[in-house]
PDB file of N, CA and C in Angstrom:
ATOM      1  N   MET A   1       0.923  -1.400   0.139  1.00  0.00           N
ATOM      2  CA  MET A   1      -0.047   0.044  -0.073  1.00  0.00           C
ATOM      3  C   MET A   1       0.819   1.279  -0.161  1.00  0.00           C
ATOM      4  N   GLN A   2       0.537   2.150  -0.532  1.00  0.00           N
ATOM      5  CA  GLN A   2       0.977   3.635  -0.739  1.00  0.00           C
ATOM      6  C   GLN A   2       0.682   4.531   0.182  1.00  0.00           C
ATOM      7  N   HIS A   3       1.447   5.063   0.902  1.00  0.00           N
ATOM      8  CA  HIS A   3       0.996   6.248   1.823  1.00  0.00           C
ATOM      9  C   HIS A   3       1.501   7.706   1.403  1.00  0.00           C
ATOM     10  N   ASP A   4       0.686   8.647   1.422  1.00  0.00           N
ATOM     11  CA  ASP A   4       1.068   9.894   0.844  1.00  0.00           C
ATOM     12  C   ASP A   4       1.463  11.066   1.890  1.00  0.00           C
ATOM     13  N   LEU A   5       2.449  11.747   1.461  1.00  0.00           N
ATOM     14  CA  LEU A   5       2.687  12.872   2.578  1.00  0.00           C
ATOM     15  C   LEU A   5       3.114  14.026   1.858  1.00  0.00           C
ATOM     16  N   ASP A   6       2.463  15.257   1.696  1.00  0.00           N
ATOM     17  CA  ASP A   6       2.803  16.319   1.014  1.00  0.00           C
ATOM     18  C   ASP A   6       3.494  17.420   2.237  1.00  0.00           C
ATOM     19  N   VAL A   7       4.755  17.708   1.948  1.00  0.00           N
ATOM     20  CA  VAL A   7       5.405  18.447   2.601  1.00  0.00           C
ATOM     21  C   VAL A   7       5.850  20.004   1.710  1.00  0.00           C
ATOM     22  N   ARG A   8       4.939  20.408   0.818  1.00  0.00           N
ATOM     23  CA  ARG A   8       5.335  21.640   0.014  1.00  0.00           C
ATOM     24  C   ARG A   8       4.844  22.586   1.182  1.00  0.00           C
ATOM     25  N   GLY A   9       5.684  23.616   1.040  1.00  0.00           N
ATOM     26  CA  GLY A   9       5.384  24.890   1.751  1.00  0.00           C
ATOM     27  C   GLY A   9       5.981  24.902   3.360  1.00  0.00           C
ATOM     28  N   LEU A  10       6.278  23.711   3.609  1.00  0.00           N
ATOM     29  CA  LEU A  10       6.964  23.723   5.028  1.00  0.00           C
ATOM     30  C   LEU A  10       8.465  24.150   5.075  1.00  0.00           C
ATOM     31  N   ALA A  11       8.833  24.997   6.047  1.00  0.00           N
ATOM     32  CA  ALA A  11      10.222  25.233   6.248  1.00  0.00           C
ATOM     33  C   ALA A  11      11.034  24.192   7.050  1.00  0.00           C
ATOM     34  N   ALA A  12      12.178  24.261   6.748  1.00  0.00           N
ATOM     35  CA  ALA A  12      13.135  23.272   7.097  1.00  0.00           C
ATOM     36  C   ALA A  12      13.192  23.383   8.708  1.00  0.00           C
ATOM     37  N   PRO A  13      13.364  22.457   9.398  1.00  0.00           N
ATOM     38  CA  PRO A  13      13.632  21.037   9.139  1.00  0.00           C
ATOM     39  C   PRO A  13      12.268  20.347   9.058  1.00  0.00           C
ATOM     40  N   GLU A  14      11.192  20.925   9.213  1.00  0.00           N
ATOM     41  CA  GLU A  14      10.039  20.209   9.065  1.00  0.00           C
ATOM     42  C   GLU A  14       9.739  19.176   8.134  1.00  0.00           C
ATOM     43  N   PRO A  15      10.149  19.379   6.971  1.00  0.00           N
ATOM     44  CA  PRO A  15       9.722  18.358   5.983  1.00  0.00           C
ATOM     45  C   PRO A  15      10.474  17.048   6.554  1.00  0.00           C
ATOM     46  N   LEU A  16      11.691  17.129   6.671  1.00  0.00           N
ATOM     47  CA  LEU A  16      12.625  15.958   7.043  1.00  0.00           C
ATOM     48  C   LEU A  16      11.964  15.227   8.139  1.00  0.00           C
ATOM     49  N   GLU A  17      11.496  16.129   9.317  1.00  0.00           N
ATOM     50  CA  GLU A  17      11.138  15.573  10.434  1.00  0.00           C
ATOM     51  C   GLU A  17       9.761  14.818  10.364  1.00  0.00           C
ATOM     52  N   ARG A  18       9.022  15.156   9.344  1.00  0.00           N
ATOM     53  CA  ARG A  18       7.585  14.630   9.220  1.00  0.00           C
ATOM     54  C   ARG A  18       7.848  13.365   8.261  1.00  0.00           C
ATOM     55  N   ILE A  19       8.814  13.404   7.449  1.00  0.00           N
ATOM     56  CA  ILE A  19       9.038  12.330   6.593  1.00  0.00           C
ATOM     57  C   ILE A  19       9.723  11.136   7.447  1.00  0.00           C
ATOM     58  N   LEU A  20      10.539  11.455   8.421  1.00  0.00           N
ATOM     59  CA  LEU A  20      11.388  10.622   9.379  1.00  0.00           C
ATOM     60  C   LEU A  20      10.048   9.752  10.310  1.00  0.00           C
ATOM     61  N   ASP A  21       9.298  10.763  10.622  1.00  0.00           N
ATOM     62  CA  ASP A  21       8.198  10.402  11.789  1.00  0.00           C
ATOM     63  C   ASP A  21       7.277   9.169  10.905  1.00  0.00           C
ATOM     64  N   ALA A  22       6.879   9.447   9.506  1.00  0.00           N
ATOM     65  CA  ALA A  22       6.102   8.762   8.753  1.00  0.00           C
ATOM     66  C   ALA A  22       6.782   7.458   8.616  1.00  0.00           C
ATOM     67  N   LEU A  23       7.930   7.535   8.505  1.00  0.00           N
ATOM     68  CA  LEU A  23       8.571   6.463   8.152  1.00  0.00           C
ATOM     69  C   LEU A  23       8.575   5.194   9.348  1.00  0.00           C
ATOM     70  N   GLU A  24       8.639   5.924  10.710  1.00  0.00           N
ATOM     71  CA  GLU A  24       8.802   5.269  11.504  1.00  0.00           C
ATOM     72  C   GLU A  24       7.346   4.026  11.994  1.00  0.00           C
ATOM     73  N   SER A  25       6.373   4.578  11.336  1.00  0.00           N
ATOM     74  CA  SER A  25       5.050   4.041  11.544  1.00  0.00           C
ATOM     75  C   SER A  25       4.521   3.133  10.283  1.00  0.00           C
ATOM     76  N   LEU A  26       5.334   3.152   9.056  1.00  0.00           N
ATOM     77  CA  LEU A  26       5.070   2.647   7.894  1.00  0.00           C
ATOM     78  C   LEU A  26       5.151   0.906   8.074  1.00  0.00           C
ATOM     79  N   PRO A  27       3.855   0.486   7.729  1.00  0.00           N
ATOM     80  CA  PRO A  27       3.935  -0.817   7.795  1.00  0.00           C
ATOM     81  C   PRO A  27       4.875  -1.652   6.874  1.00  0.00           C
ATOM     82  N   VAL A  28       5.415  -2.829   7.115  1.00  0.00           N
ATOM     83  CA  VAL A  28       6.213  -3.464   6.421  1.00  0.00           C
ATOM     84  C   VAL A  28       5.600  -3.896   4.881  1.00  0.00           C
ATOM     85  N   GLY A  29       6.225  -3.750   3.967  1.00  0.00           N
ATOM     86  CA  GLY A  29       5.827  -3.931   2.662  1.00  0.00           C
ATOM     87  C   GLY A  29       5.135  -2.665   1.947  1.00  0.00           C
ATOM     88  N   ASP A  30       4.919  -1.666   2.854  1.00  0.00           N
ATOM     89  CA  ASP A  30       4.024  -0.408   2.215  1.00  0.00           C
ATOM     90  C   ASP A  30       5.530   0.740   1.804  1.00  0.00           C
ATOM     91  N   SER A  31       4.839   1.690   1.002  1.00  0.00           N
ATOM     92  CA  SER A  31       5.666   2.753   0.715  1.00  0.00           C
ATOM     93  C   SER A  31       5.213   4.063   1.043  1.00  0.00           C
ATOM     94  N   LEU A  32       6.173   4.922   1.213  1.00  0.00           N
ATOM     95  CA  LEU A  32       5.726   6.372   1.193  1.00  0.00           C
ATOM     96  C   LEU A  32       6.048   7.146   0.075  1.00  0.00           C
ATOM     97  N   HIS A  33       4.938   7.755  -0.337  1.00  0.00           N
ATOM     98  CA  HIS A  33       5.319   8.908  -1.419  1.00  0.00           C
ATOM     99  C   HIS A  33       5.097  10.383  -0.945  1.00  0.00           C
ATOM    100  N   VAL A  34       6.220  10.712  -1.091  1.00  0.00           N
ATOM    101  CA  VAL A  34       6.587  12.287  -0.487  1.00  0.00           C
ATOM    102  C   VAL A  34       6.400  13.368  -1.691  1.00  0.00           C
ATOM    103  N   THR A  35       5.678  14.376  -1.713  1.00  0.00           N
ATOM    104  CA  THR A  35       5.575  15.416  -2.487  1.00  0.00           C
ATOM    105  C   THR A  35       6.315  16.550  -1.807  1.00  0.00           C
ATOM    106  N   HIS A  36       7.390  17.145  -2.498  1.00  0.00           N
ATOM    107  CA  HIS A  36       8.060  18.198  -2.020  1.00  0.00           C
ATOM    108  C   HIS A  36       8.389  19.337  -2.772  1.00  0.00           C
ATOM    109  N   TRP A  37       8.379  20.542  -2.495  1.00  0.00           N
ATOM    110  CA  TRP A  37       8.700  21.739  -3.368  1.00  0.00           C
ATOM    111  C   TRP A  37       9.985  21.810  -3.883  1.00  0.00           C
ATOM    112  N   ARG A  38      10.938  21.065  -3.340  1.00  0.00           N
ATOM    113  CA  ARG A  38      12.315  21.287  -3.761  1.00  0.00           C
ATOM    114  C   ARG A  38      12.852  19.642  -3.673  1.00  0.00           C
ATOM    115  N   GLU A  39      13.968  19.450  -4.214  1.00  0.00           N
ATOM    116  CA  GLU A  39      14.677  18.148  -3.977  1.00  0.00           C
ATOM    117  C   GLU A  39      15.243  18.042  -2.845  1.00  0.00           C
ATOM    118  N   PRO A  40      14.883  16.905  -1.805  1.00  0.00           N
ATOM    119  CA  PRO A  40      15.147  16.957  -0.563  1.00  0.00           C
ATOM    120  C   PRO A  40      16.652  16.199  -0.439  1.00  0.00           C
ATOM    121  N   LEU A  41      17.638  17.069  -0.821  1.00  0.00           N
ATOM    122  CA  LEU A  41      19.198  16.515  -0.777  1.00  0.00           C
ATOM    123  C   LEU A  41      19.670  15.858   0.485  1.00  0.00           C
ATOM    124  N   LEU A  42      19.206  16.688   1.636  1.00  0.00           N
ATOM    125  CA  LEU A  42      19.593  16.152   2.965  1.00  0.00           C
ATOM    126  C   LEU A  42      18.878  14.896   3.365  1.00  0.00           C
ATOM    127  N   LEU A  43      17.864  14.620   2.718  1.00  0.00           N
ATOM    128  CA  LEU A  43      17.192  13.396   3.181  1.00  0.00           C
ATOM    129  C   LEU A  43      17.779  12.133   2.656  1.00  0.00           C
ATOM    130  N   TYR A  44      18.423  12.039   1.816  1.00  0.00           N
ATOM    131  CA  TYR A  44      19.068  10.846   0.933  1.00  0.00           C
ATOM    132  C   TYR A  44      20.038  10.212   1.744  1.00  0.00           C
ATOM    133  N   PRO A  45      20.971  10.852   2.414  1.00  0.00           N
ATOM    134  CA  PRO A  45      22.010  10.124   3.101  1.00  0.00           C
ATOM    135  C   PRO A  45      21.340   9.620   4.391  1.00  0.00           C
ATOM    136  N   VAL A  46      20.425  10.334   4.785  1.00  0.00           N
ATOM    137  CA  VAL A  46      19.806   9.819   6.276  1.00  0.00           C
ATOM    138  C   VAL A  46      18.935   8.388   5.846  1.00  0.00           C
ATOM    139  N   LEU A  47      18.303   8.481   4.569  1.00  0.00           N
ATOM    140  CA  LEU A  47      17.606   7.228   4.235  1.00  0.00           C
ATOM    141  C   LEU A  47      18.701   6.366   3.988  1.00  0.00           C
ATOM    142  N   GLU A  48      19.635   6.359   3.362  1.00  0.00           N
ATOM    143  CA  GLU A  48      20.714   5.272   3.219  1.00  0.00           C
ATOM    144  C   GLU A  48      21.121   4.795   4.470  1.00  0.00           C
ATOM    145  N   ARG A  49      21.530   5.648   5.371  1.00  0.00           N
ATOM    146  CA  ARG A  49      22.002   5.215   6.862  1.00  0.00           C
ATOM    147  C   ARG A  49      20.981   4.477   7.490  1.00  0.00           C
ATOM    148  N   LEU A  50      19.689   4.457   7.379  1.00  0.00           N
ATOM    149  CA  LEU A  50      18.803   3.723   8.089  1.00  0.00           C
ATOM    150  C   LEU A  50      18.321   2.692   7.219  1.00  0.00           C
ATOM    151  N   GLY A  51      18.560   2.542   6.063  1.00  0.00           N
ATOM    152  CA  GLY A  51      18.300   1.305   5.237  1.00  0.00           C
ATOM    153  C   GLY A  51      16.868   1.226   4.457  1.00  0.00           C
ATOM    154  N   TRP A  52      16.517   2.698   4.011  1.00  0.00           N
ATOM    155  CA  TRP A  52      15.612   2.862   3.055  1.00  0.00           C
ATOM    156  C   TRP A  52      15.978   2.937   1.758  1.00  0.00           C
ATOM    157  N   ARG A  53      15.235   2.488   0.708  1.00  0.00           N
ATOM    158  CA  ARG A  53      15.452   2.793  -0.648  1.00  0.00           C
ATOM    159  C   ARG A  53      14.534   3.830  -1.050  1.00  0.00           C
ATOM    160  N   TYR A  54      14.985   4.592  -2.017  1.00  0.00           N
ATOM    161  CA  TYR A  54      14.081   5.447  -2.613  1.00  0.00           C
ATOM    162  C   TYR A  54      14.339   5.756  -4.027  1.00  0.00           C
ATOM    163  N   GLU A  55      13.270   6.431  -4.737  1.00  0.00           N
ATOM    164  CA  GLU A  55      13.423   6.714  -6.002  1.00  0.00           C
ATOM    165  C   GLU A  55      12.809   8.173  -6.288  1.00  0.00           C
ATOM    166  N   THR A  56      13.528   9.241  -6.978  1.00  0.00           N
ATOM    167  CA  THR A  56      13.016  10.386  -7.038  1.00  0.00           C
ATOM    168  C   THR A  56      12.814  10.840  -8.480  1.00  0.00           C
ATOM    169  N   THR A  57      11.609  11.454  -8.578  1.00  0.00           N
ATOM    170  CA  THR A  57      11.291  12.161  -9.869  1.00  0.00           C
ATOM    171  C   THR A  57      10.927  13.545  -9.840  1.00  0.00           C
ATOM    172  N   PHE A  58      11.141  14.272 -10.843  1.00  0.00           N
ATOM    173  CA  PHE A  58      10.640  15.824 -10.971  1.00  0.00           C
ATOM    174  C   PHE A  58       9.517  15.918 -11.934  1.00  0.00           C
ATOM    175  N   ASP A  59       8.550  16.527 -11.596  1.00  0.00           N
ATOM    176  CA  ASP A  59       7.320  16.770 -12.311  1.00  0.00           C
ATOM    177  C   ASP A  59       7.564  18.287 -12.989  1.00  0.00           C
ATOM    178  N   SER A  60       7.835  18.444 -14.300  1.00  0.00           N
ATOM    179  CA  SER A  60       8.404  19.767 -14.753  1.00  0.00           C
ATOM    180  C   SER A  60       6.949  20.529 -14.948  1.00  0.00           C
ATOM    181  N   ALA A  61       5.811  19.896 -15.215  1.00  0.00           N
ATOM    182  CA  ALA A  61       4.643  20.755 -15.135  1.00  0.00           C
ATOM    183  C   ALA A  61       4.015  21.518 -13.732  1.00  0.00           C
ATOM    184  N   SER A  62       4.539  20.623 -12.750  1.00  0.00           N
ATOM    185  CA  SER A  62       3.922  21.299 -11.401  1.00  0.00           C
ATOM    186  C   SER A  62       5.327  21.773 -10.835  1.00  0.00           C
ATOM    187  N   GLY A  63       6.404  21.402 -11.134  1.00  0.00           N
ATOM    188  CA  GLY A  63       7.584  22.004 -10.234  1.00  0.00           C
ATOM    189  C   GLY A  63       7.922  21.249  -8.998  1.00  0.00           C
ATOM    190  N   ASP A  64       7.131  20.143  -8.956  1.00  0.00           N
ATOM    191  CA  ASP A  64       7.186  19.242  -7.694  1.00  0.00           C
ATOM    192  C   ASP A  64       8.174  18.286  -7.617  1.00  0.00           C
ATOM    193  N   TRP A  65       8.736  17.917  -6.712  1.00  0.00           N
ATOM    194  CA  TRP A  65       9.544  16.624  -6.485  1.00  0.00           C
ATOM    195  C   TRP A  65       8.729  15.549  -5.913  1.00  0.00           C
ATOM    196  N   HIS A  66       8.903  14.465  -6.576  1.00  0.00           N
ATOM    197  CA  HIS A  66       8.339  12.970  -5.770  1.00  0.00           C
ATOM    198  C   HIS A  66       9.304  12.078  -5.251  1.00  0.00           C
ATOM    199  N   VAL A  67       9.081  11.744  -4.091  1.00  0.00           N
ATOM    200  CA  VAL A  67      10.166  10.629  -3.668  1.00  0.00           C
ATOM    201  C   VAL A  67       9.238   9.555  -3.321  1.00  0.00           C
ATOM    202  N   ARG A  68       9.428   8.201  -3.702  1.00  0.00           N
ATOM    203  CA  ARG A  68       8.948   7.232  -3.323  1.00  0.00           C
ATOM    204  C   ARG A  68       9.794   6.319  -2.572  1.00  0.00           C
ATOM    205  N   ILE A  69       9.419   5.849  -1.265  1.00  0.00           N
ATOM    206  CA  ILE A  69      10.424   5.431  -0.263  1.00  0.00           C
ATOM    207  C   ILE A  69      10.071   4.202   0.347  1.00  0.00           C
ATOM    208  N   ARG A  70      10.718   3.301   0.380  1.00  0.00           N
ATOM    209  CA  ARG A  70      10.471   1.754   0.935  1.00  0.00           C
ATOM    210  C   ARG A  70      11.669   0.975   1.685  1.00  0.00           C
ATOM    211  N   LYS A  71      11.344   0.279   2.515  1.00  0.00           N
ATOM    212  CA  LYS A  71      12.326  -0.221   3.397  1.00  0.00           C
ATOM    213  C   LYS A  71      13.152  -1.289   2.280  1.00  0.00           C
ATOM    214  N   ALA A  72      14.542  -1.083   2.418  1.00  0.00           N
ATOM    215  CA  ALA A  72      15.449  -2.010   1.490  1.00  0.00           C
ATOM    216  C   ALA A  72      15.376  -3.471   2.067  1.00  0.00           C
ATOM    217  N   GLY A  73      15.653  -4.330   1.226  1.00  0.00           N
ATOM    218  CA  GLY A  73      15.692  -5.881   1.602  1.00  0.00           C
ATOM    219  C   GLY A  73      14.289  -6.292   1.063  1.00  0.00           C
TER     220      GLY A  73
END
């Protein structure tokens, strides 16, 4: 199942905090889809360190970044 989290318009560090909070309660096998107003470059090393996989895309029509996150393995 995919869970959606929209962090557009939030000031740092709130987007990172909300994403990490959502991942703590994410059920095994589910994914988190994050919509962000900019590429969350500081998030990537944190995800890697914690064992999460991610895929990032940019929607040029809306100007939004989309990050799909799931547990590695």
